[in-house]
Amino acid sequence: MQAVENFAPRVLAWFDEYGRKNLPWQENKTPYRVWISEIMLQQTQVTTVIPYYLKFMQSFPTVEALAAADQEQVLAHWSGLGYYARARNMHKAAQMLVDEMDSEFPQSVEAVCELPGIGRSTAAAILSISRGVQAAILDGNVKRVLARFHAVPKWPGEKQTENAMWDLAEAYMPSSRCADYTQAMMDLGATLCTRSKPQCLICPLMEDCQAQKTPDPTQYPIKKPKKAAKPERSVQLLVLRNSQQQILLEKRPQTGIWGGLWSLPELSSDESIIMHVEQRFALPVSAVMPLSSFRHTFSHYHLDISPSSVQVGETHQVMESSKYQWFDYQDALSLGLPAPVRSIFESLTE
């Protein structure tokens, strides 16, 4: 795959006229502000991220503020964005920056990559956008643009193909206006060279785009070879409520699904709720009401959730547990909760 002349100038000319320039993280472009946006934008759409970003920056305006926060506060601000390891790693990285680097981001891509949760493309985006460093990115949007422009014949996730695309990304990276070019490539993939309905006729790269010359440009990037269907799992979640109508929540372990979040006690789909509650918590059950079941899909499996509202008696047996705590409804909503649990709570108010 050979680089084509005038690639960057065409992209920059398009950006000057049509690129996005008023996103919240494009104001006061410090490494910290750009970093937070880049982590949030991983696996998440811009429109979803904006309100989370604004609230996050209001609570944690500096890396020092983020490092000083406890993990519970950080996860509460992340609740609903998913992929919670992003938030945990970000919190660890903030503490490393404050404790070991005088709150300053490193100068090189390699050094930034040593921070938890930051890979090569994210590190390059942080440095190019905030400091104008000549460092190419290869996020999902850029992969799509390059894979179509060159009609790359293999899945970009295959190592040899990915390396070739990194070579292209670096070849096209200009020596000036690096911040604008990085943002332009992101915008081009997000607004014109979209997954299902690319607007080829108004793309600045149309003339030389190899995919556009085929009957179906959307066949690029080549899709990942299909795996077997996602496995399905099922679980019961219990909304245990005491006489004060407080809800019992369980703190999840730091690793694994929903790590570090507060969730509802769970049991397998075939267990008896009454027997489980009485044996596990030594609480008498006075009423059980099934709630609407639903499916929540993770990246690697489907989880069928059957929630139930369970009214119980005295609660002193578990009040002092660090793993289990009773919360008033409004206090529970302010915690870091998995999206399915928050949905269950919202359905209760309806």
Protein backbone atom coordinates (compact mmCIF):
# COMPACT_ATOMS: atom_id res chain seq x y z
CA MET A 1 0.00 0.00 0.00
CA GLN A 2 1.57 3.24 -1.19
CA ALA A 3 0.81 6.63 0.32
CA VAL A 4 -0.97 9.09 -1.99
CA GLU A 5 0.14 12.69 -2.41
CA ASN A 6 -1.91 15.60 -1.10
CA PHE A 7 -3.81 13.39 1.36
CA ALA A 8 -3.29 15.60 4.44
CA PRO A 9 -3.88 18.94 2.63
CA ARG A 10 -7.25 17.68 1.34
CA VAL A 11 -8.26 16.47 4.78
CA LEU A 12 -7.23 19.75 6.42
CA ALA A 13 -9.04 21.86 3.81
CA TRP A 14 -12.21 19.86 4.49
CA PHE A 15 -11.73 20.26 8.24
CA ASP A 16 -11.36 24.02 7.97
CA GLU A 17 -14.79 24.24 6.39
CA TYR A 18 -16.74 21.34 7.89
CA GLY A 19 -14.85 19.91 10.88
CA ARG A 20 -16.17 19.93 14.44
CA LYS A 21 -14.60 22.77 16.42
CA ASN A 22 -16.98 23.36 19.34
CA LEU A 23 -16.87 20.10 21.28
CA PRO A 24 -16.31 20.63 25.04
CA TRP A 25 -12.83 19.07 25.03
CA GLN A 26 -11.75 21.34 22.16
CA GLU A 27 -11.81 24.28 24.56
CA ASN A 28 -8.66 24.80 26.64
CA LYS A 29 -6.96 21.75 25.09
CA THR A 30 -4.72 20.61 27.94
CA PRO A 31 -3.34 17.05 27.99
CA TYR A 32 -5.60 16.29 30.96
CA ARG A 33 -8.81 17.47 29.29
CA VAL A 34 -7.99 15.71 26.02
CA TRP A 35 -7.05 12.52 27.87
CA ILE A 36 -10.38 12.35 29.70
CA SER A 37 -12.28 12.85 26.45
CA GLU A 38 -10.26 10.21 24.59
CA ILE A 39 -10.87 7.60 27.29
CA MET A 40 -14.58 8.37 27.39
CA LEU A 41 -14.85 8.24 23.60
CA GLN A 42 -13.45 4.72 23.46
CA GLN A 43 -16.42 2.48 22.52
CA THR A 44 -18.82 5.40 23.08
CA GLN A 45 -20.50 7.95 20.77
CA VAL A 46 -19.80 11.69 21.05
CA THR A 47 -23.43 12.56 21.82
CA THR A 48 -23.42 10.13 24.74
CA VAL A 49 -20.07 11.32 26.07
CA ILE A 50 -20.74 15.09 26.14
CA PRO A 51 -22.96 15.25 29.27
CA TYR A 52 -20.72 12.77 31.10
CA TYR A 53 -17.64 14.77 30.17
CA LEU A 54 -19.11 18.08 31.33
CA LYS A 55 -20.18 16.64 34.68
CA PHE A 56 -16.84 14.85 35.11
CA MET A 57 -14.81 17.99 34.43
CA GLN A 58 -16.98 19.99 36.79
CA SER A 59 -16.20 17.54 39.61
CA PHE A 60 -12.60 16.78 38.63
CA PRO A 61 -11.28 19.86 36.77
CA THR A 62 -7.61 18.92 37.21
CA VAL A 63 -5.52 15.78 37.39
CA GLU A 64 -4.89 16.59 41.06
CA ALA A 65 -8.64 16.61 41.75
CA LEU A 66 -9.07 13.26 40.01
CA ALA A 67 -6.15 11.70 41.86
CA ALA A 68 -7.47 12.93 45.22
CA ALA A 69 -10.95 11.50 44.64
CA ASP A 70 -11.79 8.05 45.90
CA GLN A 71 -12.67 5.37 43.40
CA GLU A 72 -16.30 5.40 44.48
CA GLN A 73 -16.68 9.01 43.33
CA VAL A 74 -15.03 8.29 39.99
CA LEU A 75 -17.18 5.22 39.29
CA ALA A 76 -20.32 7.14 40.23
CA HIS A 77 -19.50 9.70 37.53
CA TRP A 78 -18.83 6.86 35.07
CA SER A 79 -22.03 4.95 35.83
CA GLY A 80 -23.82 4.26 32.55
CA LEU A 81 -20.80 4.63 30.25
CA GLY A 82 -19.83 0.96 30.59
CA TYR A 83 -16.40 -0.65 30.22
CA TYR A 84 -15.64 0.37 33.80
CA ALA A 85 -12.00 -0.71 33.63
CA ARG A 86 -11.52 2.56 31.72
CA ALA A 87 -12.50 4.56 34.81
CA ARG A 88 -10.44 2.46 37.21
CA ASN A 89 -7.35 2.73 35.01
CA MET A 90 -7.87 6.45 34.55
CA HIS A 91 -8.02 6.95 38.30
CA LYS A 92 -4.79 4.93 38.77
CA ALA A 93 -3.09 6.90 35.99
CA ALA A 94 -4.08 10.22 37.60
CA GLN A 95 -2.52 9.09 40.88
CA MET A 96 0.68 8.06 39.05
CA LEU A 97 0.85 11.43 37.30
CA VAL A 98 0.50 13.30 40.59
CA ASP A 99 2.70 11.06 42.73
CA GLU A 100 5.48 10.28 40.24
CA MET A 101 5.42 12.96 37.51
CA ASP A 102 4.57 16.24 39.27
CA SER A 103 1.12 16.16 37.60
CA GLU A 104 2.68 16.61 34.14
CA PHE A 105 1.97 14.36 31.17
CA PRO A 106 5.10 12.81 29.63
CA GLN A 107 6.44 14.27 26.38
CA SER A 108 6.63 11.08 24.29
CA VAL A 109 4.05 8.59 23.06
CA GLU A 110 6.08 5.74 24.53
CA ALA A 111 6.12 7.32 27.98
CA VAL A 112 2.39 8.13 27.93
CA CYS A 113 1.71 4.48 27.00
CA GLU A 114 3.20 3.44 30.33
CA LEU A 115 0.19 4.92 32.13
CA PRO A 116 -2.63 2.43 32.86
CA GLY A 117 -5.31 2.20 30.19
CA ILE A 118 -3.51 4.23 27.51
CA GLY A 119 -2.46 2.60 24.24
CA ARG A 120 -0.48 3.91 21.30
CA SER A 121 -3.34 5.60 19.45
CA THR A 122 -4.78 7.25 22.57
CA ALA A 123 -1.33 8.48 23.63
CA ALA A 124 -0.76 9.96 20.16
CA ALA A 125 -4.16 11.66 20.20
CA ILE A 126 -3.46 13.25 23.60
CA LEU A 127 -0.08 14.63 22.53
CA SER A 128 -1.00 15.69 19.00
CA ILE A 129 -4.23 17.45 19.99
CA SER A 130 -3.00 19.13 23.19
CA ARG A 131 0.64 19.82 22.26
CA GLY A 132 0.81 19.61 18.47
CA VAL A 133 3.18 16.63 18.55
CA GLN A 134 3.63 14.87 15.20
CA ALA A 135 2.16 11.53 16.31
CA ALA A 136 -0.25 9.52 14.17
CA ILE A 137 -3.38 7.89 15.56
CA LEU A 138 -5.14 4.75 14.39
CA ASP A 139 -8.49 4.64 16.17
CA GLY A 140 -11.63 3.07 14.71
CA ASN A 141 -12.50 6.09 12.58
CA VAL A 142 -9.02 6.38 11.10
CA LYS A 143 -8.84 2.65 10.40
CA ARG A 144 -12.10 2.88 8.49
CA VAL A 145 -10.94 5.86 6.38
CA LEU A 146 -7.60 4.27 5.53
CA ALA A 147 -9.06 0.80 4.93
CA ARG A 148 -11.51 2.25 2.40
CA PHE A 149 -9.11 4.71 0.82
CA HIS A 150 -6.69 1.86 0.05
CA ALA A 151 -9.29 -0.94 -0.19
CA VAL A 152 -7.26 -2.91 2.35
CA PRO A 153 -7.99 -6.56 1.50
CA LYS A 154 -7.65 -8.02 5.00
CA TRP A 155 -9.19 -7.49 8.43
CA PRO A 156 -7.34 -4.54 10.06
CA GLY A 157 -7.13 -6.40 13.37
CA GLU A 158 -4.73 -8.93 11.82
CA LYS A 159 -1.27 -7.92 13.06
CA GLN A 160 0.52 -7.61 9.72
CA THR A 161 -2.34 -5.58 8.26
CA GLU A 162 -2.51 -3.37 11.33
CA ASN A 163 1.21 -2.67 11.11
CA ALA A 164 0.83 -1.71 7.44
CA MET A 165 -1.97 0.67 8.38
CA TRP A 166 0.18 2.23 11.09
CA ASP A 167 2.79 2.86 8.39
CA LEU A 168 0.17 4.63 6.29
CA ALA A 169 -1.11 6.67 9.24
CA GLU A 170 2.42 7.85 9.96
CA ALA A 171 3.14 8.57 6.29
CA TYR A 172 0.09 10.82 6.04
CA MET A 173 0.70 12.65 9.35
CA PRO A 174 1.81 16.20 8.43
CA SER A 175 4.61 18.04 10.20
CA SER A 176 2.41 21.07 10.90
CA ARG A 177 -1.16 21.54 12.09
CA CYS A 178 -0.92 18.16 13.81
CA ALA A 179 -3.77 18.85 16.23
CA ASP A 180 -6.14 19.88 13.43
CA TYR A 181 -5.18 16.90 11.28
CA THR A 182 -5.78 14.42 14.10
CA GLN A 183 -9.18 15.92 14.82
CA ALA A 184 -9.94 16.06 11.10
CA MET A 185 -9.31 12.35 10.63
CA MET A 186 -11.56 11.55 13.58
CA ASP A 187 -14.28 13.81 12.19
CA LEU A 188 -13.98 12.42 8.68
CA GLY A 189 -14.63 8.91 9.91
CA ALA A 190 -17.37 9.96 12.32
CA THR A 191 -19.36 12.22 10.00
CA LEU A 192 -18.66 11.23 6.36
CA CYS A 193 -16.91 7.87 6.16
CA THR A 194 -19.42 6.22 8.47
CA ARG A 195 -19.91 2.48 8.89
CA SER A 196 -23.16 1.96 7.01
CA LYS A 197 -23.92 5.10 4.97
CA PRO A 198 -20.71 6.80 3.84
CA GLN A 199 -21.24 10.11 2.06
CA CYS A 200 -18.70 9.45 -0.66
CA LEU A 201 -19.87 12.19 -3.03
CA ILE A 202 -18.86 14.97 -0.64
CA CYS A 203 -15.71 13.31 0.73
CA PRO A 204 -12.48 15.22 0.06
CA LEU A 205 -10.71 11.92 -0.65
CA MET A 206 -13.26 10.51 -3.12
CA GLU A 207 -11.10 10.98 -6.22
CA ASP A 208 -8.44 8.52 -5.04
CA CYS A 209 -10.54 6.31 -2.77
CA GLN A 210 -10.28 2.70 -3.92
CA ALA A 211 -13.36 1.51 -2.03
CA GLN A 212 -15.50 4.18 -3.68
CA LYS A 213 -14.69 2.62 -7.03
CA THR A 214 -16.20 -0.70 -5.97
CA PRO A 215 -19.92 -1.57 -5.99
CA ASP A 216 -20.05 -1.46 -2.18
CA PRO A 217 -17.60 0.74 -0.24
CA THR A 218 -19.03 -0.54 3.05
CA GLN A 219 -17.39 -3.93 2.46
CA TYR A 220 -14.31 -2.16 3.81
CA PRO A 221 -12.85 -2.46 6.37
CA ILE A 222 -12.96 -6.23 5.92
CA LYS A 223 -14.96 -7.63 8.80
CA LYS A 224 -13.43 -9.73 11.52
CA PRO A 225 -13.83 -13.47 10.87
CA LYS A 226 -17.03 -14.59 12.54
CA LYS A 227 -16.85 -16.35 15.85
CA ALA A 228 -19.46 -18.68 17.26
CA ALA A 229 -22.61 -17.03 18.58
CA LYS A 230 -22.20 -15.28 21.92
CA PRO A 231 -22.94 -17.55 24.86
CA GLU A 232 -26.02 -16.81 26.94
CA ARG A 233 -26.14 -16.67 30.71
CA SER A 234 -28.96 -15.97 33.12
CA VAL A 235 -29.10 -14.56 36.63
CA GLN A 236 -31.60 -13.36 39.21
CA LEU A 237 -31.02 -9.92 40.77
CA LEU A 238 -32.67 -9.16 44.11
CA VAL A 239 -34.01 -5.76 45.12
CA LEU A 240 -34.06 -6.43 48.89
CA ARG A 241 -35.99 -3.78 50.80
CA ASN A 242 -36.31 -3.45 54.54
CA SER A 243 -39.06 -1.83 56.62
CA GLN A 244 -37.47 1.62 56.03
CA GLN A 245 -37.58 0.86 52.28
CA GLN A 246 -33.81 0.93 52.09
CA ILE A 247 -32.22 -1.22 49.38
CA LEU A 248 -29.41 -3.71 50.01
CA LEU A 249 -26.43 -3.33 47.66
CA GLU A 250 -23.34 -5.46 47.25
CA LYS A 251 -19.87 -4.05 46.46
CA ARG A 252 -18.42 -5.91 43.48
CA PRO A 253 -14.78 -7.08 43.47
CA GLN A 254 -12.29 -4.80 41.72
CA THR A 255 -11.74 -7.26 38.89
CA GLY A 256 -14.29 -8.78 36.55
CA ILE A 257 -17.65 -7.55 35.32
CA TRP A 258 -18.81 -4.32 36.99
CA GLY A 259 -15.58 -4.20 38.99
CA GLY A 260 -15.72 -1.81 41.96
CA LEU A 261 -19.38 -0.89 41.41
CA TRP A 262 -22.33 -1.35 43.75
CA SER A 263 -24.78 -3.94 42.45
CA LEU A 264 -27.74 -5.99 43.57
CA PRO A 265 -27.25 -9.38 45.23
CA GLU A 266 -27.53 -12.10 42.63
CA LEU A 267 -28.27 -15.81 42.51
CA SER A 268 -28.50 -18.41 39.79
CA SER A 269 -31.67 -18.56 37.74
CA ASP A 270 -32.90 -21.79 39.29
CA GLU A 271 -32.33 -20.99 42.99
CA SER A 272 -35.18 -20.34 45.41
CA ILE A 273 -35.25 -16.64 46.32
CA ILE A 274 -36.77 -17.13 49.78
CA MET A 275 -34.37 -19.91 50.74
CA HIS A 276 -31.39 -17.97 49.35
CA VAL A 277 -32.20 -14.77 51.27
CA GLU A 278 -32.94 -16.55 54.52
CA GLN A 279 -29.77 -18.63 54.37
CA ARG A 280 -27.40 -16.00 52.96
CA PHE A 281 -28.53 -13.00 54.99
CA ALA A 282 -30.53 -14.58 57.84
CA LEU A 283 -33.42 -12.30 56.93
CA PRO A 284 -37.09 -13.31 56.96
CA VAL A 285 -38.85 -12.78 53.62
CA SER A 286 -42.35 -11.33 53.78
CA ALA A 287 -43.07 -10.80 50.06
CA VAL A 288 -41.55 -11.48 46.64
CA MET A 289 -42.67 -9.67 43.48
CA PRO A 290 -41.10 -10.58 40.11
CA LEU A 291 -40.13 -7.60 37.93
CA SER A 292 -39.80 -7.48 34.17
CA SER A 293 -36.96 -9.61 32.80
CA PHE A 294 -34.58 -8.21 30.17
CA ARG A 295 -31.33 -8.95 28.34
CA HIS A 296 -28.07 -7.05 28.78
CA THR A 297 -25.34 -7.71 26.24
CA PHE A 298 -21.63 -7.56 27.05
CA SER A 299 -18.85 -7.73 24.49
CA HIS A 300 -18.49 -11.47 24.95
CA TYR A 301 -21.85 -12.81 26.18
CA HIS A 302 -25.56 -12.11 26.65
CA LEU A 303 -26.89 -11.88 30.21
CA ASP A 304 -30.61 -12.54 30.76
CA ILE A 305 -31.59 -10.76 33.96
CA SER A 306 -34.65 -11.67 36.05
CA PRO A 307 -35.05 -9.09 38.84
CA SER A 308 -37.36 -9.47 41.82
CA SER A 309 -38.43 -7.07 44.55
CA VAL A 310 -38.06 -8.78 47.94
CA GLN A 311 -39.47 -7.35 51.16
CA VAL A 312 -37.54 -8.50 54.23
CA GLY A 313 -37.66 -8.12 58.00
CA GLU A 314 -35.02 -6.84 60.43
CA THR A 315 -31.72 -5.81 58.85
CA HIS A 316 -29.17 -5.62 61.67
CA GLN A 317 -27.42 -8.82 60.57
CA VAL A 318 -25.86 -7.20 57.48
CA MET A 319 -25.79 -3.50 58.43
CA GLU A 320 -22.10 -3.52 59.42
CA SER A 321 -20.81 -5.55 56.49
CA SER A 322 -18.27 -3.80 54.24
CA LYS A 323 -19.47 -5.85 51.29
CA TYR A 324 -23.19 -5.28 51.85
CA GLN A 325 -24.82 -2.00 52.82
CA TRP A 326 -28.34 -0.63 53.03
CA PHE A 327 -28.98 2.60 51.13
CA ASP A 328 -31.90 4.96 50.81
CA TYR A 329 -33.18 5.00 47.23
CA GLN A 330 -31.84 8.45 46.34
CA ASP A 331 -28.45 7.70 47.92
CA ALA A 332 -28.24 4.50 45.89
CA LEU A 333 -28.79 6.43 42.67
CA SER A 334 -25.75 8.61 43.42
CA LEU A 335 -23.42 5.59 43.56
CA GLY A 336 -21.47 3.91 40.80
CA LEU A 337 -24.07 1.44 39.54
CA PRO A 338 -24.06 -0.90 36.53
CA ALA A 339 -26.43 0.30 33.81
CA PRO A 340 -28.83 -2.68 34.21
CA VAL A 341 -29.14 -2.02 37.96
CA ARG A 342 -29.83 1.67 37.36
CA SER A 343 -32.52 0.63 34.84
CA ILE A 344 -34.14 -1.63 37.44
CA PHE A 345 -34.21 1.23 39.95
CA GLU A 346 -35.75 3.57 37.40
CA SER A 347 -38.41 1.00 36.56
CA LEU A 348 -39.38 0.85 40.26
CA THR A 349 -40.21 4.57 40.29
CA GLU A 350 -42.32 4.17 37.16
